[in-house]
Amino acid sequence: MSPISTQIAPLFRTMNRVLLLLVLPGLFSAQAAANGKILHSQKCMSCHKLEVYQRGNRKVKTLAALKARVSGCARMNRTGWSAQQVQQVIDYLNRSFYKFSVYQ
């Protein structure tokens, strides 16, 4: 290996790791949202039609409020969802309708 190759190889490895760290969370979040859509369809659609998330006068105005609302509904309706499943429904609703920043 040439001296330049030995200097560049670690740089490329580092860049690959950084790219993975940037891309993987989005992939996991997309899968979580897909799972959340299924859970939402199974447990929430009997009370909530999609229009409730698209109306102009929404009651949920922050990500924290969305988390509280979904968690409360899951408890009140005895869905039996784990904390992970509740988060998946939150991810689905946020990605599909609310679009709150996840860095709040």
Protein backbone atom coordinates (compact mmCIF):
# COMPACT_ATOMS: atom_id res chain seq x y z
CA MET A 1 0.00 0.00 0.00
CA SER A 2 1.25 3.46 -0.79
CA PRO A 3 1.64 6.05 1.98
CA ILE A 4 -1.30 8.02 0.59
CA SER A 5 -3.56 4.94 0.65
CA THR A 6 -2.77 4.29 4.30
CA GLN A 7 -3.68 7.88 5.11
CA ILE A 8 -6.90 7.93 3.09
CA ALA A 9 -8.28 4.54 4.15
CA PRO A 10 -9.02 5.60 7.77
CA LEU A 11 -10.71 8.74 6.45
CA PHE A 12 -13.03 6.68 4.24
CA ARG A 13 -13.85 4.33 7.13
CA THR A 14 -14.71 7.30 9.31
CA MET A 15 -16.86 8.84 6.58
CA ASN A 16 -18.73 5.54 6.12
CA ARG A 17 -19.45 5.36 9.85
CA VAL A 18 -20.73 8.93 9.91
CA LEU A 19 -23.00 8.24 6.94
CA LEU A 20 -24.39 5.15 8.66
CA LEU A 21 -25.10 7.16 11.80
CA LEU A 22 -26.98 9.71 9.71
CA VAL A 23 -28.95 7.25 7.58
CA LEU A 24 -29.83 4.39 9.94
CA PRO A 25 -32.05 6.36 12.34
CA GLY A 26 -34.20 7.45 9.41
CA LEU A 27 -34.56 3.86 8.26
CA PHE A 28 -35.56 2.69 11.72
CA SER A 29 -37.95 5.61 12.07
CA ALA A 30 -39.58 4.77 8.74
CA GLN A 31 -40.08 1.17 9.86
CA ALA A 32 -41.44 2.35 13.21
CA ALA A 33 -43.91 4.61 11.40
CA ALA A 34 -45.00 1.71 9.17
CA ASN A 35 -45.62 -0.42 12.27
CA GLY A 36 -47.42 2.53 13.86
CA LYS A 37 -49.74 2.79 10.87
CA ILE A 38 -50.78 -0.84 11.34
CA LEU A 39 -51.36 -0.36 15.06
CA HIS A 40 -53.30 2.84 14.41
CA SER A 41 -55.48 1.10 11.82
CA GLN A 42 -56.22 -1.75 14.22
CA LYS A 43 -57.02 0.25 17.36
CA CYS A 44 -57.64 3.91 16.56
CA MET A 45 -59.65 4.06 13.35
CA SER A 46 -62.87 2.98 15.05
CA CYS A 47 -62.93 6.37 16.84
CA HIS A 48 -60.68 8.56 14.69
CA LYS A 49 -61.01 9.07 10.98
CA LEU A 50 -57.98 10.51 9.21
CA GLU A 51 -59.74 13.87 8.82
CA VAL A 52 -59.23 14.55 12.54
CA TYR A 53 -55.49 14.85 11.89
CA GLN A 54 -55.93 17.08 8.85
CA ARG A 55 -58.31 19.71 10.17
CA GLY A 56 -57.17 23.27 10.66
CA ASN A 57 -58.18 23.60 14.31
CA ARG A 58 -56.16 20.70 15.69
CA LYS A 59 -55.93 20.39 19.46
CA VAL A 60 -52.46 18.83 19.30
CA LYS A 61 -49.94 21.59 18.61
CA THR A 62 -46.60 20.14 19.77
CA LEU A 63 -44.77 16.83 19.71
CA ALA A 64 -45.06 16.65 23.51
CA ALA A 65 -48.83 17.08 23.23
CA LEU A 66 -48.98 14.35 20.56
CA LYS A 67 -47.05 11.99 22.83
CA ALA A 68 -49.36 12.75 25.74
CA ARG A 69 -52.48 12.30 23.60
CA VAL A 70 -51.43 8.97 22.08
CA SER A 71 -50.20 7.64 25.44
CA GLY A 72 -53.46 8.67 27.11
CA CYS A 73 -55.64 7.15 24.40
CA ALA A 74 -53.66 3.90 24.52
CA ARG A 75 -54.16 3.68 28.30
CA MET A 76 -57.84 4.66 28.29
CA ASN A 77 -58.67 2.23 25.52
CA ARG A 78 -56.60 -0.57 27.04
CA THR A 79 -54.75 -1.30 23.83
CA GLY A 80 -52.12 -3.37 25.59
CA TRP A 81 -49.42 -1.58 23.60
CA SER A 82 -45.86 -1.54 24.85
CA ALA A 83 -44.02 1.78 25.18
CA GLN A 84 -42.32 0.95 21.87
CA GLN A 85 -45.66 0.44 20.13
CA VAL A 86 -47.00 3.72 21.50
CA GLN A 87 -43.90 5.43 20.13
CA GLN A 88 -44.47 3.77 16.74
CA VAL A 89 -47.98 5.22 16.57
CA ILE A 90 -46.58 8.62 17.53
CA ASP A 91 -43.95 8.28 14.78
CA TYR A 92 -46.64 7.37 12.24
CA LEU A 93 -48.91 10.27 13.14
CA ASN A 94 -46.06 12.74 13.25
CA ARG A 95 -44.52 11.66 9.95
CA SER A 96 -47.86 11.45 8.17
CA PHE A 97 -49.79 14.42 9.55
CA TYR A 98 -48.22 16.63 12.19
CA LYS A 99 -44.63 16.97 10.98
CA PHE A 100 -43.31 18.32 14.29
CA SER A 101 -39.55 18.55 14.66
CA VAL A 102 -38.23 15.50 16.51
CA TYR A 103 -35.56 17.74 18.07
CA GLN A 104 -38.02 19.68 20.25
